[in-house]
Amino acid sequence: MKNKEHEAIIVKENSITLAKGAITMATNEKVKILSKKWGKPKKEVYEGSPLYDGLDGYTTYIWKKDKTTIKYIIPVDKTFCDFRKHIEIYSSDKNIKIFGIKVGMERKKAEKIEKKLGDYAPYYECKNGKVNYIYSGLNRE
């Protein structure tokens, strides 16, 4: 797991690989990197509650491709939001690998990686002894 300490979002034509520090990149860089290979994102804006002068609002960039959805969420003011800026990835695509856990991987191997990653481990579901779905909500900032 030594190579997971650096900051990286590695995007290939049909895959994305994240290292532990990936969330610490500048906002525009993340959108630019993902847009380069995944196309222009759908942009959704929640203006926020008038009770908080809109400070609990956020912007979400959404990329969808085949069996994968990537969301990058940026709050207006993190002190008024329940979350910080973060990336969420939902996938059942065999090209997706998050912190070393990949769709199609044997359950036992995924469990070993999960144990090493601790809090950084993504959520995954298994069917017939293999990972068939993976989710990561990376709120590490």
N, C-alpha and C. Protein backbone atom coordinates (compact mmCIF):
# COMPACT_ATOMS: atom_id res chain seq x y z
N MET A 1 0.81 -1.20 0.00
CA MET A 1 0.00 0.00 0.00
C MET A 1 0.86 1.27 0.00
N LYS A 2 2.17 1.15 -0.12
CA LYS A 2 3.06 2.31 -0.08
C LYS A 2 2.69 3.36 -1.12
N ASN A 3 2.33 2.94 -2.31
CA ASN A 3 2.05 3.87 -3.40
C ASN A 3 0.73 4.62 -3.23
N LYS A 4 -0.04 4.35 -2.18
CA LYS A 4 -1.32 5.01 -1.98
C LYS A 4 -1.18 6.30 -1.17
N GLU A 5 0.01 6.68 -0.77
CA GLU A 5 0.20 7.86 0.06
C GLU A 5 0.24 9.17 -0.73
N HIS A 6 0.50 9.11 -2.02
CA HIS A 6 0.59 10.33 -2.81
C HIS A 6 -0.80 10.80 -3.25
N GLU A 7 -0.86 12.04 -3.70
CA GLU A 7 -2.12 12.59 -4.20
C GLU A 7 -2.28 12.24 -5.66
N ALA A 8 -3.35 11.55 -6.04
CA ALA A 8 -3.52 11.20 -7.44
C ALA A 8 -4.95 10.82 -7.77
N ILE A 9 -5.39 11.33 -8.88
CA ILE A 9 -6.58 10.81 -9.54
C ILE A 9 -6.06 10.37 -10.89
N ILE A 10 -6.08 9.10 -11.16
CA ILE A 10 -5.59 8.57 -12.43
C ILE A 10 -6.80 8.22 -13.26
N VAL A 11 -6.98 8.93 -14.34
CA VAL A 11 -8.14 8.71 -15.19
C VAL A 11 -7.69 8.17 -16.53
N LYS A 12 -8.24 7.02 -16.90
CA LYS A 12 -8.00 6.45 -18.22
C LYS A 12 -9.30 6.51 -18.98
N GLU A 13 -9.32 6.01 -20.18
CA GLU A 13 -10.53 6.14 -21.01
C GLU A 13 -11.78 5.63 -20.31
N ASN A 14 -11.73 4.46 -19.71
CA ASN A 14 -12.91 3.90 -19.06
C ASN A 14 -12.71 3.60 -17.59
N SER A 15 -11.69 4.17 -16.97
CA SER A 15 -11.45 3.85 -15.57
C SER A 15 -10.94 5.04 -14.79
N ILE A 16 -11.07 4.95 -13.48
CA ILE A 16 -10.54 5.98 -12.58
C ILE A 16 -9.93 5.26 -11.39
N THR A 17 -8.76 5.67 -11.00
CA THR A 17 -8.09 5.11 -9.84
C THR A 17 -7.78 6.25 -8.89
N LEU A 18 -8.12 6.08 -7.63
CA LEU A 18 -7.89 7.13 -6.64
C LEU A 18 -6.88 6.68 -5.60
N ALA A 19 -5.97 7.56 -5.24
CA ALA A 19 -5.07 7.31 -4.12
C ALA A 19 -5.66 8.00 -2.90
N LYS A 20 -5.15 7.69 -1.71
CA LYS A 20 -5.71 8.23 -0.47
C LYS A 20 -5.85 9.75 -0.47
N GLY A 21 -4.86 10.47 -0.96
CA GLY A 21 -4.87 11.93 -0.88
C GLY A 21 -5.54 12.62 -2.05
N ALA A 22 -6.27 11.91 -2.86
CA ALA A 22 -6.83 12.47 -4.09
C ALA A 22 -7.74 13.67 -3.85
N ILE A 23 -8.43 13.71 -2.75
CA ILE A 23 -9.39 14.77 -2.50
C ILE A 23 -8.72 16.13 -2.25
N THR A 24 -7.43 16.16 -1.97
CA THR A 24 -6.78 17.41 -1.63
C THR A 24 -6.37 18.27 -2.83
N MET A 25 -6.64 17.80 -4.03
CA MET A 25 -6.34 18.60 -5.22
C MET A 25 -7.25 19.83 -5.30
N ALA A 26 -6.82 20.85 -6.02
CA ALA A 26 -7.65 22.04 -6.21
C ALA A 26 -8.92 21.69 -6.97
N THR A 27 -10.00 22.37 -6.65
CA THR A 27 -11.32 22.11 -7.23
C THR A 27 -11.31 22.09 -8.75
N ASN A 28 -10.80 23.13 -9.38
CA ASN A 28 -10.83 23.21 -10.84
C ASN A 28 -10.02 22.10 -11.49
N GLU A 29 -8.97 21.67 -10.85
CA GLU A 29 -8.15 20.59 -11.39
C GLU A 29 -8.93 19.28 -11.44
N LYS A 30 -9.69 18.98 -10.40
CA LYS A 30 -10.48 17.74 -10.39
C LYS A 30 -11.49 17.73 -11.52
N VAL A 31 -12.23 18.82 -11.66
CA VAL A 31 -13.25 18.91 -12.71
C VAL A 31 -12.59 18.81 -14.07
N LYS A 32 -11.45 19.46 -14.24
CA LYS A 32 -10.72 19.45 -15.51
C LYS A 32 -10.22 18.04 -15.84
N ILE A 33 -9.62 17.36 -14.85
CA ILE A 33 -9.09 16.01 -15.07
C ILE A 33 -10.21 15.06 -15.45
N LEU A 34 -11.29 15.07 -14.69
CA LEU A 34 -12.40 14.16 -14.97
C LEU A 34 -13.08 14.48 -16.29
N SER A 35 -13.24 15.76 -16.59
CA SER A 35 -13.91 16.18 -17.83
C SER A 35 -13.10 15.79 -19.07
N LYS A 36 -11.78 15.78 -18.95
CA LYS A 36 -10.93 15.47 -20.10
C LYS A 36 -11.26 14.10 -20.68
N LYS A 37 -11.48 13.09 -19.84
CA LYS A 37 -11.75 11.74 -20.32
C LYS A 37 -13.22 11.34 -20.22
N TRP A 38 -13.96 11.96 -19.31
CA TRP A 38 -15.34 11.53 -19.07
C TRP A 38 -16.36 12.49 -19.67
N GLY A 39 -15.89 13.56 -20.31
CA GLY A 39 -16.79 14.50 -20.96
C GLY A 39 -17.29 15.58 -20.01
N LYS A 40 -18.07 16.47 -20.56
CA LYS A 40 -18.61 17.58 -19.78
C LYS A 40 -19.60 17.04 -18.74
N PRO A 41 -19.46 17.47 -17.48
CA PRO A 41 -20.36 16.97 -16.44
C PRO A 41 -21.70 17.69 -16.44
N LYS A 42 -22.68 17.02 -15.88
CA LYS A 42 -23.96 17.67 -15.60
C LYS A 42 -23.71 18.46 -14.32
N LYS A 43 -24.19 19.68 -14.27
CA LYS A 43 -23.96 20.52 -13.10
C LYS A 43 -25.30 20.79 -12.42
N GLU A 44 -25.37 20.47 -11.13
CA GLU A 44 -26.58 20.74 -10.35
C GLU A 44 -26.21 21.68 -9.21
N VAL A 45 -27.05 22.70 -8.99
CA VAL A 45 -26.78 23.68 -7.95
C VAL A 45 -27.95 23.70 -6.97
N TYR A 46 -27.64 23.52 -5.69
CA TYR A 46 -28.64 23.69 -4.64
C TYR A 46 -28.34 25.02 -3.98
N GLU A 47 -29.27 25.95 -4.09
CA GLU A 47 -29.04 27.32 -3.63
C GLU A 47 -28.94 27.44 -2.11
N GLY A 48 -29.45 26.46 -1.38
CA GLY A 48 -29.38 26.52 0.08
C GLY A 48 -30.64 27.10 0.69
N SER A 49 -30.72 26.97 1.98
CA SER A 49 -31.89 27.43 2.72
C SER A 49 -31.82 28.93 2.99
N PRO A 50 -32.95 29.65 2.85
CA PRO A 50 -32.96 31.07 3.19
C PRO A 50 -32.66 31.31 4.67
N LEU A 51 -32.92 30.31 5.51
CA LEU A 51 -32.63 30.45 6.95
C LEU A 51 -31.14 30.63 7.21
N TYR A 52 -30.32 30.12 6.31
CA TYR A 52 -28.86 30.23 6.45
C TYR A 52 -28.26 31.13 5.37
N ASP A 53 -29.09 31.97 4.76
CA ASP A 53 -28.66 32.86 3.68
C ASP A 53 -27.97 32.10 2.55
N GLY A 54 -28.38 30.86 2.32
CA GLY A 54 -27.83 30.05 1.24
C GLY A 54 -26.46 29.47 1.52
N LEU A 55 -25.93 29.68 2.72
CA LEU A 55 -24.59 29.18 3.05
C LEU A 55 -24.53 27.67 3.13
N ASP A 56 -25.68 26.99 3.20
CA ASP A 56 -25.69 25.53 3.22
C ASP A 56 -25.87 24.95 1.82
N GLY A 57 -25.77 25.79 0.83
CA GLY A 57 -25.90 25.35 -0.57
C GLY A 57 -24.66 24.63 -1.05
N TYR A 58 -24.79 23.99 -2.22
CA TYR A 58 -23.66 23.28 -2.80
C TYR A 58 -23.85 23.11 -4.30
N THR A 59 -22.75 22.84 -4.99
CA THR A 59 -22.75 22.55 -6.41
C THR A 59 -22.26 21.12 -6.59
N THR A 60 -22.94 20.37 -7.46
CA THR A 60 -22.55 18.99 -7.75
C THR A 60 -22.26 18.85 -9.23
N TYR A 61 -21.10 18.29 -9.55
CA TYR A 61 -20.74 17.94 -10.92
C TYR A 61 -20.93 16.44 -11.03
N ILE A 62 -21.65 15.98 -12.07
CA ILE A 62 -21.97 14.56 -12.21
C ILE A 62 -21.54 14.04 -13.57
N TRP A 63 -20.74 12.97 -13.54
CA TRP A 63 -20.34 12.27 -14.76
C TRP A 63 -20.95 10.88 -14.71
N LYS A 64 -21.57 10.45 -15.80
CA LYS A 64 -22.12 9.09 -15.90
C LYS A 64 -21.56 8.44 -17.15
N LYS A 65 -21.09 7.21 -16.98
CA LYS A 65 -20.56 6.46 -18.11
C LYS A 65 -20.79 4.99 -17.83
N ASP A 66 -21.55 4.35 -18.69
CA ASP A 66 -21.85 2.93 -18.55
C ASP A 66 -22.36 2.61 -17.14
N LYS A 67 -21.60 1.83 -16.38
CA LYS A 67 -22.03 1.37 -15.06
C LYS A 67 -21.43 2.19 -13.92
N THR A 68 -20.96 3.40 -14.23
CA THR A 68 -20.28 4.22 -13.23
C THR A 68 -20.86 5.63 -13.18
N THR A 69 -21.02 6.12 -11.96
CA THR A 69 -21.42 7.51 -11.73
C THR A 69 -20.40 8.12 -10.79
N ILE A 70 -19.89 9.29 -11.17
CA ILE A 70 -18.96 10.03 -10.32
C ILE A 70 -19.60 11.38 -10.01
N LYS A 71 -19.62 11.72 -8.72
CA LYS A 71 -20.15 13.01 -8.29
C LYS A 71 -19.06 13.75 -7.53
N TYR A 72 -18.89 15.03 -7.88
CA TYR A 72 -17.96 15.87 -7.15
C TYR A 72 -18.81 16.99 -6.55
N ILE A 73 -18.85 17.06 -5.22
CA ILE A 73 -19.75 17.97 -4.52
C ILE A 73 -18.92 19.04 -3.81
N ILE A 74 -19.30 20.31 -4.05
CA ILE A 74 -18.58 21.44 -3.49
C ILE A 74 -19.57 22.32 -2.72
N PRO A 75 -19.46 22.39 -1.38
CA PRO A 75 -20.37 23.23 -0.60
C PRO A 75 -20.00 24.71 -0.73
N VAL A 76 -21.00 25.57 -0.52
CA VAL A 76 -20.75 27.01 -0.53
C VAL A 76 -19.90 27.38 0.68
N ASP A 77 -20.29 26.89 1.85
CA ASP A 77 -19.58 27.17 3.09
C ASP A 77 -19.63 25.92 3.95
N LYS A 78 -18.48 25.27 4.14
CA LYS A 78 -18.49 23.97 4.82
C LYS A 78 -18.94 24.05 6.28
N THR A 79 -18.90 25.21 6.90
CA THR A 79 -19.37 25.31 8.28
C THR A 79 -20.89 25.21 8.38
N PHE A 80 -21.59 25.49 7.28
CA PHE A 80 -23.06 25.41 7.29
C PHE A 80 -23.56 24.14 6.60
N CYS A 81 -22.67 23.34 6.08
CA CYS A 81 -23.06 22.12 5.38
C CYS A 81 -22.78 20.89 6.24
N ASP A 82 -23.45 19.82 5.93
CA ASP A 82 -23.21 18.55 6.62
C ASP A 82 -21.98 17.85 6.07
N PHE A 83 -21.39 18.37 5.00
CA PHE A 83 -20.24 17.71 4.39
C PHE A 83 -19.28 18.73 3.82
N ARG A 84 -18.07 18.28 3.53
CA ARG A 84 -17.06 19.11 2.87
C ARG A 84 -17.04 18.73 1.41
N LYS A 85 -16.19 19.38 0.62
CA LYS A 85 -16.13 18.98 -0.78
C LYS A 85 -15.60 17.57 -0.85
N HIS A 86 -16.19 16.78 -1.72
CA HIS A 86 -15.81 15.38 -1.79
C HIS A 86 -16.25 14.75 -3.11
N ILE A 87 -15.68 13.58 -3.37
CA ILE A 87 -16.00 12.81 -4.56
C ILE A 87 -16.76 11.56 -4.11
N GLU A 88 -17.83 11.24 -4.83
CA GLU A 88 -18.56 10.00 -4.61
C GLU A 88 -18.50 9.20 -5.90
N ILE A 89 -18.19 7.92 -5.79
CA ILE A 89 -18.13 7.05 -6.96
C ILE A 89 -19.00 5.84 -6.70
N TYR A 90 -19.89 5.55 -7.64
CA TYR A 90 -20.77 4.39 -7.57
C TYR A 90 -20.49 3.58 -8.83
N SER A 91 -20.15 2.29 -8.69
CA SER A 91 -19.83 1.54 -9.89
C SER A 91 -19.99 0.03 -9.74
N SER A 92 -20.35 -0.59 -10.85
CA SER A 92 -20.31 -2.04 -10.96
C SER A 92 -19.50 -2.41 -12.21
N ASP A 93 -18.68 -1.47 -12.67
CA ASP A 93 -17.84 -1.63 -13.85
C ASP A 93 -16.50 -2.27 -13.45
N LYS A 94 -16.07 -3.29 -14.16
CA LYS A 94 -14.83 -4.00 -13.83
C LYS A 94 -13.58 -3.17 -14.07
N ASN A 95 -13.69 -2.01 -14.70
CA ASN A 95 -12.54 -1.14 -14.92
C ASN A 95 -12.29 -0.21 -13.74
N ILE A 96 -13.18 -0.17 -12.78
CA ILE A 96 -13.04 0.75 -11.66
C ILE A 96 -12.26 0.12 -10.52
N LYS A 97 -11.28 0.86 -10.04
CA LYS A 97 -10.45 0.42 -8.93
C LYS A 97 -10.34 1.59 -7.96
N ILE A 98 -10.75 1.38 -6.71
CA ILE A 98 -10.69 2.45 -5.72
C ILE A 98 -9.83 1.96 -4.56
N PHE A 99 -8.71 2.64 -4.34
CA PHE A 99 -7.77 2.29 -3.28
C PHE A 99 -7.37 0.82 -3.34
N GLY A 100 -7.27 0.26 -4.52
CA GLY A 100 -6.81 -1.11 -4.68
C GLY A 100 -7.91 -2.15 -4.72
N ILE A 101 -9.15 -1.77 -4.39
CA ILE A 101 -10.28 -2.70 -4.45
C ILE A 101 -10.97 -2.51 -5.79
N LYS A 102 -11.20 -3.62 -6.49
CA LYS A 102 -11.71 -3.56 -7.85
C LYS A 102 -12.93 -4.47 -8.01
N VAL A 103 -13.87 -4.03 -8.82
CA VAL A 103 -15.03 -4.87 -9.15
C VAL A 103 -14.51 -6.13 -9.85
N GLY A 104 -14.99 -7.29 -9.41
CA GLY A 104 -14.53 -8.57 -9.96
C GLY A 104 -13.47 -9.24 -9.11
N MET A 105 -12.93 -8.52 -8.16
CA MET A 105 -11.89 -9.05 -7.27
C MET A 105 -12.49 -10.09 -6.31
N GLU A 106 -11.70 -11.09 -5.93
CA GLU A 106 -12.12 -12.08 -4.95
C GLU A 106 -12.40 -11.39 -3.61
N ARG A 107 -13.46 -11.81 -2.93
CA ARG A 107 -13.86 -11.22 -1.65
C ARG A 107 -12.72 -11.24 -0.62
N LYS A 108 -12.01 -12.36 -0.51
CA LYS A 108 -10.94 -12.48 0.48
C LYS A 108 -9.83 -11.46 0.24
N LYS A 109 -9.49 -11.25 -1.02
CA LYS A 109 -8.45 -10.27 -1.36
C LYS A 109 -8.93 -8.85 -1.01
N ALA A 110 -10.20 -8.56 -1.31
CA ALA A 110 -10.78 -7.25 -0.99
C ALA A 110 -10.79 -7.02 0.52
N GLU A 111 -11.10 -8.06 1.28
CA GLU A 111 -11.13 -7.95 2.74
C GLU A 111 -9.73 -7.65 3.31
N LYS A 112 -8.69 -8.24 2.73
CA LYS A 112 -7.32 -7.96 3.17
C LYS A 112 -6.96 -6.50 2.92
N ILE A 113 -7.31 -6.00 1.74
CA ILE A 113 -7.03 -4.60 1.40
C ILE A 113 -7.84 -3.68 2.31
N GLU A 114 -9.09 -4.02 2.52
CA GLU A 114 -9.96 -3.22 3.39
C GLU A 114 -9.37 -3.10 4.79
N LYS A 115 -8.85 -4.18 5.30
CA LYS A 115 -8.26 -4.18 6.64
C LYS A 115 -7.06 -3.23 6.70
N LYS A 116 -6.22 -3.24 5.66
CA LYS A 116 -5.05 -2.36 5.62
C LYS A 116 -5.46 -0.89 5.50
N LEU A 117 -6.53 -0.62 4.74
CA LEU A 117 -6.95 0.76 4.50
C LEU A 117 -7.67 1.39 5.69
N GLY A 118 -8.31 0.60 6.51
CA GLY A 118 -9.04 1.14 7.66
C GLY A 118 -10.15 2.09 7.22
N ASP A 119 -10.09 3.33 7.71
CA ASP A 119 -11.13 4.33 7.41
C ASP A 119 -11.20 4.72 5.94
N TYR A 120 -10.13 4.49 5.19
CA TYR A 120 -10.11 4.87 3.77
C TYR A 120 -10.78 3.83 2.87
N ALA A 121 -11.10 2.69 3.41
CA ALA A 121 -11.65 1.60 2.59
C ALA A 121 -13.01 1.99 2.00
N PRO A 122 -13.20 1.70 0.72
CA PRO A 122 -14.51 1.95 0.10
C PRO A 122 -15.51 0.88 0.52
N TYR A 123 -16.78 1.19 0.37
CA TYR A 123 -17.83 0.22 0.63
C TYR A 123 -17.96 -0.66 -0.62
N TYR A 124 -18.16 -1.94 -0.44
CA TYR A 124 -18.36 -2.82 -1.60
C TYR A 124 -19.33 -3.93 -1.24
N GLU A 125 -19.97 -4.47 -2.25
CA GLU A 125 -20.88 -5.60 -2.09
C GLU A 125 -20.31 -6.78 -2.88
N CYS A 126 -20.55 -7.97 -2.36
CA CYS A 126 -20.06 -9.17 -3.03
C CYS A 126 -21.21 -10.08 -3.43
N LYS A 127 -21.00 -10.77 -4.53
CA LYS A 127 -21.94 -11.77 -5.01
C LYS A 127 -21.11 -12.94 -5.54
N ASN A 128 -21.44 -14.15 -5.12
CA ASN A 128 -20.71 -15.35 -5.53
C ASN A 128 -19.21 -15.25 -5.23
N GLY A 129 -18.87 -14.64 -4.08
CA GLY A 129 -17.48 -14.57 -3.66
C GLY A 129 -16.63 -13.52 -4.33
N LYS A 130 -17.25 -12.64 -5.14
CA LYS A 130 -16.50 -11.58 -5.82
C LYS A 130 -17.18 -10.23 -5.61
N VAL A 131 -16.38 -9.17 -5.65
CA VAL A 131 -16.90 -7.81 -5.55
C VAL A 131 -17.71 -7.51 -6.80
N ASN A 132 -18.98 -7.12 -6.62
CA ASN A 132 -19.80 -6.80 -7.79
C ASN A 132 -20.26 -5.35 -7.81
N TYR A 133 -20.01 -4.61 -6.74
CA TYR A 133 -20.40 -3.19 -6.67
C TYR A 133 -19.46 -2.50 -5.70
N ILE A 134 -19.07 -1.28 -6.03
CA ILE A 134 -18.17 -0.52 -5.16
C ILE A 134 -18.65 0.92 -5.06
N TYR A 135 -18.53 1.47 -3.87
CA TYR A 135 -18.93 2.86 -3.61
C TYR A 135 -17.88 3.50 -2.73
N SER A 136 -17.55 4.72 -3.02
CA SER A 136 -16.65 5.46 -2.17
C SER A 136 -17.14 6.90 -2.08
N GLY A 137 -17.37 7.36 -0.90
CA GLY A 137 -17.72 8.76 -0.64
C GLY A 137 -16.55 9.38 0.08
N LEU A 138 -15.67 10.00 -0.65
CA LEU A 138 -14.40 10.46 -0.10
C LEU A 138 -14.50 11.85 0.49
N ASN A 139 -14.75 11.93 1.76
CA ASN A 139 -14.84 13.22 2.46
C ASN A 139 -13.65 13.32 3.39
N ARG A 140 -12.47 13.51 2.82
CA ARG A 140 -11.24 13.46 3.60
C ARG A 140 -10.57 14.82 3.80
N GLU A 141 -11.17 15.88 3.40
CA GLU A 141 -10.50 17.18 3.44
C GLU A 141 -10.51 17.78 4.80
